[in-house]
Amino acid sequence: MFDEAHYREYLKYFNMPDHETLHREFFAPDVELVTLGNVLKGQQGIRDFYAYFHSCVREHIDLIKFYPTEGGAWVHVAMRLEAFEDLTAEGLEKIGIIRMPAIPKGTVYENEMFIHYELDPEGRLRLLRCAEYIPPDMA
């Protein structure tokens, strides 16, 4: 069941980050993540993205509000990014990400976003759609 308690468990592993548990326990094999106009397909696509992203940036998500829906949920979250290495456009392009701003080392970025989660028939995350405001100085 994908309720607020289950989502908080998901966030616990996301914030560690413990990608192995996320993929094994939460993601459907054909999961898709849509963020900033980019579509990451399958568990490998998401692994490739986060392998690079988290090699440069510490990411932490806090739940503000959970909105259950039929077959998933909307969530309102606070996101904090702290770049400990340069996240470069070239590095992002190598993994197929073309619509995400580079984040220079030392940058701390805090923002709120909405994420829509859809579940597969087994209750695993199948589709994640992120709606995020990008401030002009990050675009």
N, C-alpha and C. Protein backbone atom coordinates (compact mmCIF):
# COMPACT_ATOMS: atom_id res chain seq x y z
N MET A 1 0.84 -1.19 0.00
CA MET A 1 0.00 0.00 0.00
C MET A 1 0.88 1.25 0.00
N PHE A 2 0.59 2.18 -0.87
CA PHE A 2 1.37 3.41 -0.99
C PHE A 2 0.65 4.51 -0.22
N ASP A 3 0.93 4.55 1.08
CA ASP A 3 0.36 5.58 1.93
C ASP A 3 1.49 6.47 2.44
N GLU A 4 1.17 7.41 3.31
CA GLU A 4 2.19 8.34 3.79
C GLU A 4 3.32 7.63 4.53
N ALA A 5 3.00 6.62 5.31
CA ALA A 5 4.05 5.88 6.04
C ALA A 5 4.99 5.18 5.05
N HIS A 6 4.43 4.58 4.01
CA HIS A 6 5.25 3.92 2.99
C HIS A 6 6.12 4.94 2.26
N TYR A 7 5.56 6.11 1.98
CA TYR A 7 6.34 7.15 1.31
C TYR A 7 7.48 7.64 2.20
N ARG A 8 7.22 7.78 3.48
CA ARG A 8 8.29 8.20 4.40
C ARG A 8 9.41 7.15 4.44
N GLU A 9 9.04 5.88 4.32
CA GLU A 9 10.04 4.81 4.25
C GLU A 9 10.88 4.97 2.97
N TYR A 10 10.21 5.24 1.86
CA TYR A 10 10.89 5.51 0.59
C TYR A 10 11.87 6.68 0.75
N LEU A 11 11.42 7.78 1.37
CA LEU A 11 12.30 8.94 1.56
C LEU A 11 13.51 8.61 2.43
N LYS A 12 13.32 7.75 3.40
CA LYS A 12 14.44 7.36 4.26
C LYS A 12 15.56 6.78 3.39
N TYR A 13 15.22 5.87 2.49
CA TYR A 13 16.23 5.26 1.63
C TYR A 13 16.74 6.23 0.57
N PHE A 14 15.87 7.10 0.07
CA PHE A 14 16.29 8.08 -0.92
C PHE A 14 17.32 9.03 -0.32
N ASN A 15 17.09 9.48 0.90
CA ASN A 15 17.98 10.46 1.53
C ASN A 15 19.30 9.87 2.01
N MET A 16 19.40 8.54 2.14
CA MET A 16 20.66 7.95 2.63
C MET A 16 21.84 8.26 1.70
N PRO A 17 21.89 8.15 0.46
CA PRO A 17 21.00 7.41 -0.43
C PRO A 17 21.35 5.92 -0.47
N ASP A 18 20.31 5.10 -0.50
CA ASP A 18 20.46 3.65 -0.63
C ASP A 18 19.73 3.23 -1.90
N HIS A 19 20.43 3.36 -3.03
CA HIS A 19 19.82 3.09 -4.32
C HIS A 19 19.44 1.63 -4.49
N GLU A 20 20.20 0.73 -3.94
CA GLU A 20 19.88 -0.70 -4.08
C GLU A 20 18.52 -1.01 -3.47
N THR A 21 18.27 -0.51 -2.27
CA THR A 21 16.97 -0.75 -1.63
C THR A 21 15.86 -0.07 -2.40
N LEU A 22 16.09 1.15 -2.88
CA LEU A 22 15.06 1.83 -3.67
C LEU A 22 14.66 1.00 -4.88
N HIS A 23 15.65 0.50 -5.60
CA HIS A 23 15.35 -0.26 -6.82
C HIS A 23 14.71 -1.61 -6.49
N ARG A 24 15.17 -2.25 -5.46
CA ARG A 24 14.65 -3.58 -5.10
C ARG A 24 13.25 -3.49 -4.48
N GLU A 25 13.03 -2.52 -3.62
CA GLU A 25 11.79 -2.48 -2.84
C GLU A 25 10.71 -1.55 -3.39
N PHE A 26 11.09 -0.55 -4.15
CA PHE A 26 10.12 0.49 -4.50
C PHE A 26 9.87 0.66 -6.00
N PHE A 27 10.88 0.46 -6.84
CA PHE A 27 10.73 0.76 -8.26
C PHE A 27 10.32 -0.45 -9.07
N ALA A 28 9.36 -0.24 -9.97
CA ALA A 28 9.00 -1.26 -10.96
C ALA A 28 10.17 -1.40 -11.94
N PRO A 29 10.32 -2.56 -12.58
CA PRO A 29 11.41 -2.73 -13.56
C PRO A 29 11.37 -1.70 -14.69
N ASP A 30 10.17 -1.30 -15.10
CA ASP A 30 10.03 -0.36 -16.21
C ASP A 30 9.74 1.07 -15.73
N VAL A 31 10.20 1.41 -14.54
CA VAL A 31 9.98 2.72 -13.96
C VAL A 31 10.46 3.82 -14.90
N GLU A 32 9.76 4.95 -14.87
CA GLU A 32 10.18 6.13 -15.61
C GLU A 32 10.13 7.33 -14.67
N LEU A 33 11.16 8.17 -14.77
CA LEU A 33 11.24 9.40 -14.00
C LEU A 33 11.30 10.55 -14.99
N VAL A 34 10.35 11.47 -14.87
CA VAL A 34 10.29 12.64 -15.74
C VAL A 34 10.62 13.86 -14.88
N THR A 35 11.71 14.53 -15.23
CA THR A 35 12.13 15.70 -14.47
C THR A 35 12.76 16.72 -15.39
N LEU A 36 12.32 17.95 -15.28
CA LEU A 36 12.85 19.06 -16.07
C LEU A 36 12.88 18.74 -17.57
N GLY A 37 11.86 18.05 -18.04
CA GLY A 37 11.77 17.72 -19.46
C GLY A 37 12.60 16.53 -19.89
N ASN A 38 13.30 15.90 -18.97
CA ASN A 38 14.09 14.70 -19.26
C ASN A 38 13.28 13.49 -18.84
N VAL A 39 13.42 12.39 -19.57
CA VAL A 39 12.75 11.15 -19.23
C VAL A 39 13.82 10.08 -19.01
N LEU A 40 13.89 9.58 -17.78
CA LEU A 40 14.81 8.50 -17.44
C LEU A 40 14.01 7.22 -17.47
N LYS A 41 14.42 6.28 -18.32
CA LYS A 41 13.65 5.05 -18.54
C LYS A 41 14.32 3.85 -17.89
N GLY A 42 13.51 3.12 -17.14
CA GLY A 42 13.97 1.87 -16.54
C GLY A 42 14.87 2.11 -15.34
N GLN A 43 15.05 1.04 -14.59
CA GLN A 43 15.89 1.15 -13.41
C GLN A 43 17.32 1.55 -13.78
N GLN A 44 17.84 1.06 -14.91
CA GLN A 44 19.22 1.40 -15.29
C GLN A 44 19.35 2.88 -15.61
N GLY A 45 18.37 3.44 -16.28
CA GLY A 45 18.42 4.87 -16.59
C GLY A 45 18.45 5.72 -15.33
N ILE A 46 17.66 5.33 -14.34
CA ILE A 46 17.64 6.05 -13.07
C ILE A 46 18.95 5.82 -12.31
N ARG A 47 19.47 4.60 -12.33
CA ARG A 47 20.77 4.32 -11.69
C ARG A 47 21.87 5.18 -12.30
N ASP A 48 21.92 5.25 -13.63
CA ASP A 48 22.97 6.02 -14.30
C ASP A 48 22.89 7.50 -13.91
N PHE A 49 21.68 8.04 -13.89
CA PHE A 49 21.51 9.44 -13.51
C PHE A 49 22.00 9.68 -12.09
N TYR A 50 21.49 8.89 -11.14
CA TYR A 50 21.85 9.15 -9.75
C TYR A 50 23.29 8.79 -9.43
N ALA A 51 23.89 7.87 -10.15
CA ALA A 51 25.32 7.58 -9.94
C ALA A 51 26.14 8.85 -10.19
N TYR A 52 25.82 9.54 -11.28
CA TYR A 52 26.54 10.80 -11.55
C TYR A 52 26.07 11.92 -10.62
N PHE A 53 24.77 12.12 -10.52
CA PHE A 53 24.22 13.24 -9.73
C PHE A 53 24.73 13.18 -8.29
N HIS A 54 24.62 12.02 -7.67
CA HIS A 54 25.03 11.90 -6.26
C HIS A 54 26.54 11.79 -6.08
N SER A 55 27.30 11.71 -7.17
CA SER A 55 28.77 11.79 -7.05
C SER A 55 29.20 13.26 -6.96
N CYS A 56 28.26 14.18 -7.17
CA CYS A 56 28.56 15.61 -7.13
C CYS A 56 27.70 16.38 -6.13
N VAL A 57 26.53 15.86 -5.82
CA VAL A 57 25.54 16.62 -5.06
C VAL A 57 24.94 15.77 -3.95
N ARG A 58 24.89 16.34 -2.74
CA ARG A 58 24.10 15.74 -1.66
C ARG A 58 22.68 16.24 -1.82
N GLU A 59 21.73 15.32 -1.82
CA GLU A 59 20.33 15.67 -2.02
C GLU A 59 19.54 15.18 -0.82
N HIS A 60 18.68 16.05 -0.32
CA HIS A 60 17.81 15.66 0.80
C HIS A 60 16.41 16.17 0.51
N ILE A 61 15.43 15.28 0.69
CA ILE A 61 14.02 15.61 0.47
C ILE A 61 13.27 15.45 1.78
N ASP A 62 12.47 16.46 2.13
CA ASP A 62 11.57 16.39 3.29
C ASP A 62 10.13 16.51 2.81
N LEU A 63 9.28 15.69 3.35
CA LEU A 63 7.87 15.71 3.00
C LEU A 63 7.18 16.89 3.67
N ILE A 64 6.46 17.66 2.88
CA ILE A 64 5.61 18.74 3.40
C ILE A 64 4.18 18.23 3.52
N LYS A 65 3.66 17.63 2.44
CA LYS A 65 2.28 17.15 2.44
C LYS A 65 2.15 15.97 1.48
N PHE A 66 1.41 14.96 1.89
CA PHE A 66 1.15 13.77 1.09
C PHE A 66 -0.32 13.79 0.69
N TYR A 67 -0.59 13.63 -0.60
CA TYR A 67 -1.95 13.63 -1.14
C TYR A 67 -2.20 12.30 -1.85
N PRO A 68 -2.86 11.35 -1.20
CA PRO A 68 -3.11 10.07 -1.86
C PRO A 68 -4.08 10.23 -3.03
N THR A 69 -3.87 9.41 -4.05
CA THR A 69 -4.77 9.36 -5.20
C THR A 69 -5.06 7.90 -5.52
N GLU A 70 -5.99 7.68 -6.39
CA GLU A 70 -6.26 6.33 -6.88
C GLU A 70 -5.05 5.89 -7.70
N GLY A 71 -4.34 4.90 -7.23
CA GLY A 71 -3.20 4.38 -7.98
C GLY A 71 -1.90 5.13 -7.78
N GLY A 72 -1.78 5.93 -6.71
CA GLY A 72 -0.54 6.64 -6.49
C GLY A 72 -0.68 7.75 -5.48
N ALA A 73 0.01 8.86 -5.73
CA ALA A 73 -0.03 10.00 -4.82
C ALA A 73 0.62 11.21 -5.47
N TRP A 74 0.24 12.37 -4.99
CA TRP A 74 0.95 13.62 -5.21
C TRP A 74 1.64 13.93 -3.90
N VAL A 75 2.85 14.45 -3.97
CA VAL A 75 3.52 14.90 -2.77
C VAL A 75 4.06 16.30 -2.98
N HIS A 76 4.06 17.06 -1.92
CA HIS A 76 4.69 18.38 -1.89
C HIS A 76 5.90 18.21 -0.99
N VAL A 77 7.08 18.49 -1.52
CA VAL A 77 8.32 18.25 -0.79
C VAL A 77 9.21 19.49 -0.80
N ALA A 78 10.11 19.54 0.17
CA ALA A 78 11.19 20.51 0.20
C ALA A 78 12.46 19.77 -0.18
N MET A 79 13.20 20.33 -1.12
CA MET A 79 14.42 19.70 -1.62
C MET A 79 15.61 20.60 -1.27
N ARG A 80 16.68 19.96 -0.83
CA ARG A 80 17.94 20.69 -0.58
C ARG A 80 19.05 19.98 -1.33
N LEU A 81 19.77 20.74 -2.17
CA LEU A 81 20.91 20.22 -2.90
C LEU A 81 22.15 20.97 -2.44
N GLU A 82 23.24 20.24 -2.21
CA GLU A 82 24.51 20.84 -1.86
C GLU A 82 25.58 20.21 -2.74
N ALA A 83 26.16 21.01 -3.63
CA ALA A 83 27.17 20.50 -4.56
C ALA A 83 28.54 20.47 -3.88
N PHE A 84 29.10 19.27 -3.75
CA PHE A 84 30.45 19.14 -3.20
C PHE A 84 31.48 18.93 -4.31
N GLU A 85 31.01 18.75 -5.55
CA GLU A 85 31.81 18.73 -6.77
C GLU A 85 30.99 19.45 -7.84
N ASP A 86 31.64 19.90 -8.90
CA ASP A 86 30.89 20.53 -10.00
C ASP A 86 30.02 19.48 -10.70
N LEU A 87 28.73 19.76 -10.78
CA LEU A 87 27.82 18.97 -11.62
C LEU A 87 27.79 19.71 -12.95
N THR A 88 28.36 19.11 -13.98
CA THR A 88 28.56 19.83 -15.24
C THR A 88 27.53 19.44 -16.30
N ALA A 89 27.31 20.36 -17.22
CA ALA A 89 26.43 20.08 -18.36
C ALA A 89 26.98 18.91 -19.17
N GLU A 90 28.30 18.85 -19.31
CA GLU A 90 28.92 17.76 -20.08
C GLU A 90 28.67 16.42 -19.41
N GLY A 91 28.81 16.36 -18.10
CA GLY A 91 28.56 15.12 -17.36
C GLY A 91 27.11 14.69 -17.47
N LEU A 92 26.21 15.67 -17.41
CA LEU A 92 24.78 15.37 -17.55
C LEU A 92 24.47 14.88 -18.96
N GLU A 93 25.05 15.51 -19.97
CA GLU A 93 24.81 15.11 -21.35
C GLU A 93 25.27 13.68 -21.62
N LYS A 94 26.35 13.26 -20.97
CA LYS A 94 26.86 11.89 -21.16
C LYS A 94 25.84 10.84 -20.75
N ILE A 95 24.95 11.20 -19.83
CA ILE A 95 23.91 10.24 -19.40
C ILE A 95 22.54 10.63 -19.97
N GLY A 96 22.55 11.50 -20.98
CA GLY A 96 21.32 11.82 -21.70
C GLY A 96 20.46 12.89 -21.06
N ILE A 97 21.00 13.64 -20.11
CA ILE A 97 20.23 14.71 -19.46
C ILE A 97 20.63 16.03 -20.11
N ILE A 98 19.65 16.67 -20.78
CA ILE A 98 19.97 17.88 -21.51
C ILE A 98 19.25 19.11 -20.98
N ARG A 99 18.28 18.93 -20.13
CA ARG A 99 17.50 20.07 -19.62
C ARG A 99 17.63 20.17 -18.10
N MET A 100 18.85 20.20 -17.62
CA MET A 100 19.08 20.36 -16.19
C MET A 100 20.26 21.30 -16.04
N PRO A 101 20.12 22.30 -15.16
CA PRO A 101 21.23 23.24 -15.00
C PRO A 101 22.44 22.60 -14.32
N ALA A 102 23.62 23.04 -14.72
CA ALA A 102 24.85 22.66 -14.02
C ALA A 102 24.79 23.27 -12.63
N ILE A 103 25.46 22.62 -11.69
CA ILE A 103 25.50 23.14 -10.31
C ILE A 103 26.96 23.20 -9.89
N PRO A 104 27.49 24.40 -9.75
CA PRO A 104 28.90 24.52 -9.37
C PRO A 104 29.15 24.07 -7.93
N LYS A 105 30.35 23.55 -7.70
CA LYS A 105 30.77 23.15 -6.36
C LYS A 105 30.55 24.30 -5.39
N GLY A 106 30.03 23.97 -4.21
CA GLY A 106 29.78 24.97 -3.18
C GLY A 106 28.38 25.55 -3.20
N THR A 107 27.63 25.29 -4.26
CA THR A 107 26.27 25.80 -4.37
C THR A 107 25.34 25.03 -3.43
N VAL A 108 24.51 25.76 -2.72
CA VAL A 108 23.43 25.17 -1.93
C VAL A 108 22.14 25.70 -2.53
N TYR A 109 21.25 24.79 -2.87
CA TYR A 109 20.03 25.13 -3.57
C TYR A 109 18.87 24.50 -2.80
N GLU A 110 17.92 25.33 -2.39
CA GLU A 110 16.73 24.84 -1.69
C GLU A 110 15.50 25.26 -2.46
N ASN A 111 14.57 24.33 -2.58
CA ASN A 111 13.38 24.58 -3.38
C ASN A 111 12.27 23.65 -2.92
N GLU A 112 11.06 23.98 -3.28
CA GLU A 112 9.93 23.09 -3.08
C GLU A 112 9.51 22.56 -4.43
N MET A 113 8.96 21.36 -4.44
CA MET A 113 8.49 20.78 -5.69
C MET A 113 7.31 19.85 -5.42
N PHE A 114 6.59 19.55 -6.48
CA PHE A 114 5.52 18.57 -6.44
C PHE A 114 5.95 17.37 -7.27
N ILE A 115 5.65 16.19 -6.77
CA ILE A 115 5.97 14.96 -7.50
C ILE A 115 4.70 14.11 -7.55
N HIS A 116 4.39 13.63 -8.73
CA HIS A 116 3.26 12.73 -8.91
C HIS A 116 3.80 11.32 -9.11
N TYR A 117 3.32 10.39 -8.32
CA TYR A 117 3.74 8.99 -8.39
C TYR A 117 2.57 8.15 -8.86
N GLU A 118 2.82 7.30 -9.85
CA GLU A 118 1.84 6.30 -10.29
C GLU A 118 2.42 4.93 -10.01
N LEU A 119 1.56 4.02 -9.59
CA LEU A 119 1.98 2.67 -9.23
C LEU A 119 1.68 1.68 -10.33
N ASP A 120 2.47 0.60 -10.37
CA ASP A 120 2.15 -0.51 -11.26
C ASP A 120 1.16 -1.43 -10.52
N PRO A 121 0.65 -2.49 -11.18
CA PRO A 121 -0.34 -3.37 -10.52
C PRO A 121 0.17 -4.03 -9.23
N GLU A 122 1.50 -4.15 -9.08
CA GLU A 122 2.06 -4.75 -7.87
C GLU A 122 2.32 -3.72 -6.77
N GLY A 123 1.97 -2.46 -7.02
CA GLY A 123 2.15 -1.42 -6.01
C GLY A 123 3.52 -0.78 -5.99
N ARG A 124 4.34 -1.04 -7.02
CA ARG A 124 5.66 -0.42 -7.10
C ARG A 124 5.57 0.87 -7.91
N LEU A 125 6.53 1.75 -7.70
CA LEU A 125 6.54 3.02 -8.41
C LEU A 125 6.85 2.79 -9.88
N ARG A 126 5.93 3.20 -10.73
CA ARG A 126 6.04 3.00 -12.17
C ARG A 126 6.35 4.28 -12.92
N LEU A 127 5.75 5.41 -12.47
CA LEU A 127 5.96 6.69 -13.14
C LEU A 127 6.08 7.78 -12.09
N LEU A 128 7.15 8.54 -12.17
CA LEU A 128 7.40 9.66 -11.27
C LEU A 128 7.52 10.91 -12.12
N ARG A 129 6.67 11.89 -11.87
CA ARG A 129 6.71 13.15 -12.62
C ARG A 129 6.99 14.28 -11.65
N CYS A 130 8.07 14.99 -11.88
CA CYS A 130 8.49 16.07 -10.99
C CYS A 130 8.15 17.42 -11.60
N ALA A 131 7.55 18.29 -10.80
CA ALA A 131 7.27 19.67 -11.21
C ALA A 131 8.07 20.57 -10.28
N GLU A 132 9.05 21.25 -10.86
CA GLU A 132 9.98 22.05 -10.07
C GLU A 132 10.16 23.41 -10.68
N TYR A 133 10.21 24.40 -9.86
CA TYR A 133 10.52 25.76 -10.30
C TYR A 133 12.04 25.91 -10.32
N ILE A 134 12.56 26.39 -11.43
CA ILE A 134 13.99 26.68 -11.53
C ILE A 134 14.16 28.20 -11.50
N PRO A 135 14.79 28.73 -10.45
CA PRO A 135 15.00 30.18 -10.39
C PRO A 135 15.85 30.67 -11.57
N PRO A 136 15.65 31.91 -12.00
CA PRO A 136 16.39 32.44 -13.15
C PRO A 136 17.91 32.31 -13.02
N ASP A 137 18.44 32.43 -11.81
CA ASP A 137 19.90 32.35 -11.66
C ASP A 137 20.44 30.93 -11.83
N MET A 138 19.55 29.90 -11.84
CA MET A 138 19.97 28.52 -12.04
C MET A 138 19.72 28.06 -13.47
N ALA A 139 18.89 28.78 -14.21
CA ALA A 139 18.50 28.34 -15.56
C ALA A 139 19.63 28.48 -16.56
